[in-house]
Amino acid sequence: MTIKFDASGFTPLLVIEGELSIYTVAELKPQLCRLIQQHNDITLDLSAVSEIDGAGLQLLIAAKREAADYRHSLHLNNHSPAVLEALDLCNMAAFFGDPLIIPDRRHG
């Protein structure tokens, strides 16, 4: 897993590349929590997430709650197919409140 942080724009951007799984969340969690505490508004770019499991989804939920606790904003953006599938499977899209389009699996 690779993490890239870019604070040069109006909203800081955190790009996660690779697996967001039980094997990688322990590495990402402290960095994500620190960034949430330091910035009022952060966008997570999930376009390069190749795999996400329950632990990865739990980390995203915890991050969203942590941001709310600090009265900060955390936005999920550019959801990869793996992320879209996990959000759809767990019916969690509304929890995050970010715009996304989940493809209809019946036609493909």
N, C-alpha and C. Protein backbone atom coordinates (compact mmCIF):
# COMPACT_ATOMS: atom_id res chain seq x y z
N MET A 1 0.85 -1.18 0.00
CA MET A 1 0.00 0.00 0.00
C MET A 1 0.89 1.24 0.00
N THR A 2 0.49 2.20 -0.78
CA THR A 2 1.20 3.47 -0.85
C THR A 2 0.23 4.58 -0.47
N ILE A 3 0.73 5.55 0.27
CA ILE A 3 -0.09 6.69 0.69
C ILE A 3 0.61 7.96 0.21
N LYS A 4 -0.14 8.79 -0.50
CA LYS A 4 0.40 10.07 -0.97
C LYS A 4 -0.47 11.18 -0.41
N PHE A 5 0.16 12.19 0.17
CA PHE A 5 -0.58 13.31 0.73
C PHE A 5 -0.16 14.58 0.00
N ASP A 6 -1.16 15.35 -0.43
CA ASP A 6 -0.91 16.59 -1.15
C ASP A 6 -1.73 17.70 -0.51
N ALA A 7 -1.06 18.63 0.12
CA ALA A 7 -1.74 19.75 0.78
C ALA A 7 -1.60 21.03 -0.02
N SER A 8 -1.21 20.94 -1.28
CA SER A 8 -0.97 22.15 -2.07
C SER A 8 -2.26 22.78 -2.58
N GLY A 9 -3.34 22.02 -2.66
CA GLY A 9 -4.60 22.56 -3.16
C GLY A 9 -5.46 23.15 -2.05
N PHE A 10 -6.66 23.56 -2.44
CA PHE A 10 -7.59 24.15 -1.47
C PHE A 10 -7.97 23.14 -0.39
N THR A 11 -8.22 21.90 -0.80
CA THR A 11 -8.55 20.83 0.13
C THR A 11 -7.43 19.80 0.09
N PRO A 12 -6.83 19.48 1.23
CA PRO A 12 -5.78 18.46 1.25
C PRO A 12 -6.31 17.14 0.68
N LEU A 13 -5.45 16.44 -0.06
CA LEU A 13 -5.83 15.20 -0.73
C LEU A 13 -4.93 14.07 -0.26
N LEU A 14 -5.54 12.98 0.14
CA LEU A 14 -4.82 11.78 0.53
C LEU A 14 -5.18 10.69 -0.46
N VAL A 15 -4.19 10.18 -1.19
CA VAL A 15 -4.41 9.14 -2.19
C VAL A 15 -3.92 7.83 -1.61
N ILE A 16 -4.80 6.83 -1.59
CA ILE A 16 -4.45 5.50 -1.10
C ILE A 16 -4.35 4.58 -2.31
N GLU A 17 -3.21 3.92 -2.44
CA GLU A 17 -2.98 3.01 -3.56
C GLU A 17 -2.72 1.60 -3.02
N GLY A 18 -3.38 0.61 -3.62
CA GLY A 18 -3.16 -0.78 -3.22
C GLY A 18 -4.26 -1.29 -2.33
N GLU A 19 -3.92 -2.24 -1.49
CA GLU A 19 -4.91 -2.88 -0.61
C GLU A 19 -5.25 -2.00 0.58
N LEU A 20 -6.52 -1.99 0.91
CA LEU A 20 -7.00 -1.38 2.15
C LEU A 20 -7.62 -2.54 2.92
N SER A 21 -6.76 -3.26 3.63
CA SER A 21 -7.18 -4.53 4.21
C SER A 21 -6.62 -4.69 5.62
N ILE A 22 -6.96 -5.80 6.21
CA ILE A 22 -6.49 -6.12 7.56
C ILE A 22 -4.96 -6.05 7.64
N TYR A 23 -4.30 -6.26 6.52
CA TYR A 23 -2.84 -6.25 6.50
C TYR A 23 -2.24 -4.85 6.39
N THR A 24 -3.05 -3.86 6.05
CA THR A 24 -2.50 -2.52 5.82
C THR A 24 -3.12 -1.43 6.69
N VAL A 25 -4.28 -1.67 7.30
CA VAL A 25 -4.95 -0.59 8.02
C VAL A 25 -4.16 -0.12 9.25
N ALA A 26 -3.43 -1.02 9.88
CA ALA A 26 -2.65 -0.62 11.06
C ALA A 26 -1.60 0.43 10.69
N GLU A 27 -1.07 0.34 9.48
CA GLU A 27 -0.10 1.32 9.00
C GLU A 27 -0.77 2.66 8.68
N LEU A 28 -1.96 2.60 8.12
CA LEU A 28 -2.64 3.81 7.67
C LEU A 28 -3.35 4.57 8.79
N LYS A 29 -3.90 3.86 9.75
CA LYS A 29 -4.75 4.49 10.78
C LYS A 29 -4.08 5.67 11.50
N PRO A 30 -2.87 5.54 12.05
CA PRO A 30 -2.29 6.69 12.76
C PRO A 30 -2.07 7.90 11.86
N GLN A 31 -1.64 7.64 10.62
CA GLN A 31 -1.42 8.75 9.68
C GLN A 31 -2.73 9.46 9.36
N LEU A 32 -3.77 8.66 9.12
CA LEU A 32 -5.08 9.22 8.78
C LEU A 32 -5.65 10.02 9.95
N CYS A 33 -5.56 9.49 11.15
CA CYS A 33 -6.07 10.20 12.33
C CYS A 33 -5.33 11.52 12.55
N ARG A 34 -4.01 11.49 12.37
CA ARG A 34 -3.22 12.72 12.54
C ARG A 34 -3.64 13.78 11.51
N LEU A 35 -3.82 13.37 10.26
CA LEU A 35 -4.22 14.31 9.22
C LEU A 35 -5.61 14.87 9.47
N ILE A 36 -6.52 14.03 9.94
CA ILE A 36 -7.88 14.49 10.26
C ILE A 36 -7.84 15.54 11.36
N GLN A 37 -7.00 15.32 12.35
CA GLN A 37 -6.89 16.28 13.46
C GLN A 37 -6.27 17.60 13.01
N GLN A 38 -5.36 17.54 12.05
CA GLN A 38 -4.62 18.73 11.62
C GLN A 38 -5.34 19.57 10.57
N HIS A 39 -6.28 18.96 9.83
CA HIS A 39 -6.91 19.65 8.71
C HIS A 39 -8.43 19.64 8.86
N ASN A 40 -9.06 20.76 8.62
CA ASN A 40 -10.52 20.87 8.73
C ASN A 40 -11.26 20.10 7.66
N ASP A 41 -10.62 19.89 6.54
CA ASP A 41 -11.29 19.27 5.40
C ASP A 41 -10.26 18.42 4.65
N ILE A 42 -10.55 17.14 4.48
CA ILE A 42 -9.65 16.24 3.76
C ILE A 42 -10.47 15.42 2.76
N THR A 43 -9.88 15.18 1.61
CA THR A 43 -10.49 14.29 0.62
C THR A 43 -9.61 13.05 0.49
N LEU A 44 -10.24 11.88 0.57
CA LEU A 44 -9.57 10.61 0.34
C LEU A 44 -9.85 10.18 -1.09
N ASP A 45 -8.82 10.07 -1.88
CA ASP A 45 -8.96 9.58 -3.25
C ASP A 45 -8.77 8.07 -3.19
N LEU A 46 -9.82 7.34 -3.53
CA LEU A 46 -9.82 5.88 -3.43
C LEU A 46 -9.73 5.21 -4.81
N SER A 47 -9.36 5.95 -5.82
CA SER A 47 -9.35 5.41 -7.18
C SER A 47 -8.34 4.28 -7.38
N ALA A 48 -7.30 4.24 -6.59
CA ALA A 48 -6.26 3.23 -6.77
C ALA A 48 -6.33 2.12 -5.71
N VAL A 49 -7.43 2.04 -4.98
CA VAL A 49 -7.59 0.96 -4.00
C VAL A 49 -7.96 -0.30 -4.78
N SER A 50 -7.08 -1.28 -4.73
CA SER A 50 -7.27 -2.51 -5.50
C SER A 50 -8.12 -3.54 -4.78
N GLU A 51 -8.12 -3.46 -3.46
CA GLU A 51 -8.88 -4.42 -2.65
C GLU A 51 -9.24 -3.77 -1.33
N ILE A 52 -10.45 -4.05 -0.85
CA ILE A 52 -10.87 -3.55 0.46
C ILE A 52 -11.65 -4.66 1.15
N ASP A 53 -11.37 -4.86 2.42
CA ASP A 53 -12.09 -5.87 3.19
C ASP A 53 -12.79 -5.19 4.36
N GLY A 54 -13.30 -5.99 5.28
CA GLY A 54 -14.03 -5.44 6.43
C GLY A 54 -13.18 -4.50 7.26
N ALA A 55 -11.91 -4.81 7.43
CA ALA A 55 -11.03 -3.93 8.20
C ALA A 55 -10.84 -2.59 7.50
N GLY A 56 -10.72 -2.62 6.18
CA GLY A 56 -10.59 -1.38 5.43
C GLY A 56 -11.84 -0.53 5.53
N LEU A 57 -12.99 -1.18 5.44
CA LEU A 57 -14.25 -0.46 5.58
C LEU A 57 -14.40 0.10 6.99
N GLN A 58 -14.00 -0.66 8.00
CA GLN A 58 -14.05 -0.17 9.38
C GLN A 58 -13.16 1.05 9.56
N LEU A 59 -12.00 1.06 8.90
CA LEU A 59 -11.11 2.21 8.99
C LEU A 59 -11.77 3.45 8.39
N LEU A 60 -12.42 3.30 7.25
CA LEU A 60 -13.11 4.44 6.63
C LEU A 60 -14.23 4.95 7.52
N ILE A 61 -14.97 4.04 8.15
CA ILE A 61 -16.04 4.44 9.08
C ILE A 61 -15.46 5.18 10.27
N ALA A 62 -14.39 4.63 10.85
CA ALA A 62 -13.75 5.27 12.01
C ALA A 62 -13.20 6.65 11.64
N ALA A 63 -12.64 6.77 10.45
CA ALA A 63 -12.10 8.06 10.00
C ALA A 63 -13.22 9.08 9.84
N LYS A 64 -14.34 8.66 9.28
CA LYS A 64 -15.48 9.57 9.11
C LYS A 64 -15.98 10.04 10.47
N ARG A 65 -16.05 9.12 11.43
CA ARG A 65 -16.51 9.48 12.78
C ARG A 65 -15.50 10.38 13.49
N GLU A 66 -14.22 10.10 13.31
CA GLU A 66 -13.18 10.93 13.92
C GLU A 66 -13.27 12.36 13.38
N ALA A 67 -13.46 12.49 12.09
CA ALA A 67 -13.60 13.83 11.51
C ALA A 67 -14.82 14.53 12.11
N ALA A 68 -15.92 13.82 12.25
CA ALA A 68 -17.13 14.42 12.84
C ALA A 68 -16.88 14.83 14.29
N ASP A 69 -16.14 14.04 15.04
CA ASP A 69 -15.82 14.37 16.43
C ASP A 69 -15.05 15.69 16.52
N TYR A 70 -14.20 15.96 15.55
CA TYR A 70 -13.43 17.21 15.52
C TYR A 70 -14.16 18.32 14.77
N ARG A 71 -15.35 18.01 14.31
CA ARG A 71 -16.14 18.93 13.48
C ARG A 71 -15.39 19.30 12.21
N HIS A 72 -14.69 18.30 11.67
CA HIS A 72 -13.97 18.43 10.41
C HIS A 72 -14.72 17.62 9.36
N SER A 73 -14.33 17.80 8.11
CA SER A 73 -14.97 17.08 7.00
C SER A 73 -14.00 16.09 6.39
N LEU A 74 -14.53 14.91 6.09
CA LEU A 74 -13.77 13.89 5.38
C LEU A 74 -14.63 13.43 4.22
N HIS A 75 -14.09 13.56 3.01
CA HIS A 75 -14.83 13.19 1.80
C HIS A 75 -14.13 12.03 1.11
N LEU A 76 -14.90 11.07 0.66
CA LEU A 76 -14.37 9.97 -0.15
C LEU A 76 -14.62 10.33 -1.60
N ASN A 77 -13.61 10.11 -2.44
CA ASN A 77 -13.69 10.56 -3.82
C ASN A 77 -13.08 9.50 -4.74
N ASN A 78 -13.53 9.47 -5.99
CA ASN A 78 -12.97 8.59 -7.01
C ASN A 78 -12.92 7.13 -6.55
N HIS A 79 -14.06 6.64 -6.11
CA HIS A 79 -14.15 5.27 -5.59
C HIS A 79 -13.75 4.25 -6.65
N SER A 80 -12.84 3.35 -6.30
CA SER A 80 -12.45 2.28 -7.22
C SER A 80 -13.57 1.25 -7.30
N PRO A 81 -13.55 0.38 -8.29
CA PRO A 81 -14.57 -0.68 -8.36
C PRO A 81 -14.63 -1.53 -7.08
N ALA A 82 -13.46 -1.82 -6.49
CA ALA A 82 -13.44 -2.61 -5.26
C ALA A 82 -14.16 -1.88 -4.12
N VAL A 83 -13.94 -0.59 -4.01
CA VAL A 83 -14.59 0.20 -2.95
C VAL A 83 -16.09 0.29 -3.21
N LEU A 84 -16.46 0.53 -4.46
CA LEU A 84 -17.89 0.60 -4.79
C LEU A 84 -18.60 -0.71 -4.43
N GLU A 85 -17.96 -1.83 -4.75
CA GLU A 85 -18.55 -3.13 -4.46
C GLU A 85 -18.72 -3.33 -2.95
N ALA A 86 -17.70 -2.96 -2.18
CA ALA A 86 -17.78 -3.12 -0.72
C ALA A 86 -18.87 -2.23 -0.12
N LEU A 87 -18.95 -0.99 -0.58
CA LEU A 87 -19.97 -0.07 -0.06
C LEU A 87 -21.37 -0.57 -0.42
N ASP A 88 -21.51 -1.08 -1.62
CA ASP A 88 -22.80 -1.62 -2.06
C ASP A 88 -23.16 -2.88 -1.26
N LEU A 89 -22.22 -3.79 -1.13
CA LEU A 89 -22.44 -5.04 -0.42
C LEU A 89 -22.87 -4.81 1.03
N CYS A 90 -22.25 -3.82 1.67
CA CYS A 90 -22.54 -3.52 3.07
C CYS A 90 -23.58 -2.42 3.24
N ASN A 91 -24.11 -1.92 2.12
CA ASN A 91 -25.12 -0.87 2.15
C ASN A 91 -24.66 0.35 2.96
N MET A 92 -23.43 0.78 2.70
CA MET A 92 -22.82 1.86 3.48
C MET A 92 -22.68 3.18 2.71
N ALA A 93 -23.11 3.25 1.48
CA ALA A 93 -22.91 4.46 0.69
C ALA A 93 -23.53 5.68 1.35
N ALA A 94 -24.73 5.54 1.88
CA ALA A 94 -25.41 6.68 2.50
C ALA A 94 -24.68 7.15 3.76
N PHE A 95 -24.05 6.25 4.48
CA PHE A 95 -23.33 6.63 5.70
C PHE A 95 -22.26 7.67 5.40
N PHE A 96 -21.54 7.48 4.30
CA PHE A 96 -20.45 8.39 3.97
C PHE A 96 -20.96 9.67 3.33
N GLY A 97 -22.08 9.61 2.65
CA GLY A 97 -22.72 10.81 2.12
C GLY A 97 -22.01 11.45 0.93
N ASP A 98 -21.06 10.77 0.35
CA ASP A 98 -20.35 11.30 -0.80
C ASP A 98 -21.00 10.80 -2.08
N PRO A 99 -21.05 11.63 -3.12
CA PRO A 99 -21.69 11.19 -4.36
C PRO A 99 -20.91 10.04 -5.00
N LEU A 100 -21.66 9.03 -5.43
CA LEU A 100 -21.06 7.92 -6.14
C LEU A 100 -22.13 7.21 -6.94
N ILE A 101 -21.69 6.50 -7.94
CA ILE A 101 -22.60 5.71 -8.78
C ILE A 101 -22.15 4.27 -8.67
N ILE A 102 -23.07 3.44 -8.17
CA ILE A 102 -22.78 2.02 -8.04
C ILE A 102 -23.38 1.33 -9.26
N PRO A 103 -22.52 0.68 -10.07
CA PRO A 103 -23.05 0.03 -11.28
C PRO A 103 -24.01 -1.11 -10.94
N ASP A 104 -24.96 -1.31 -11.80
CA ASP A 104 -25.93 -2.39 -11.64
C ASP A 104 -25.26 -3.69 -12.05
N ARG A 105 -25.03 -4.59 -11.08
CA ARG A 105 -24.33 -5.84 -11.34
C ARG A 105 -25.16 -6.83 -12.14
N ARG A 106 -26.45 -6.59 -12.29
CA ARG A 106 -27.31 -7.51 -13.03
C ARG A 106 -27.04 -7.45 -14.53
N HIS A 107 -26.43 -6.36 -14.99
CA HIS A 107 -26.22 -6.17 -16.43
C HIS A 107 -24.74 -6.23 -16.80
N GLY A 108 -24.01 -7.04 -16.19
CA GLY A 108 -22.62 -7.06 -16.58
C GLY A 108 -21.93 -8.16 -15.96
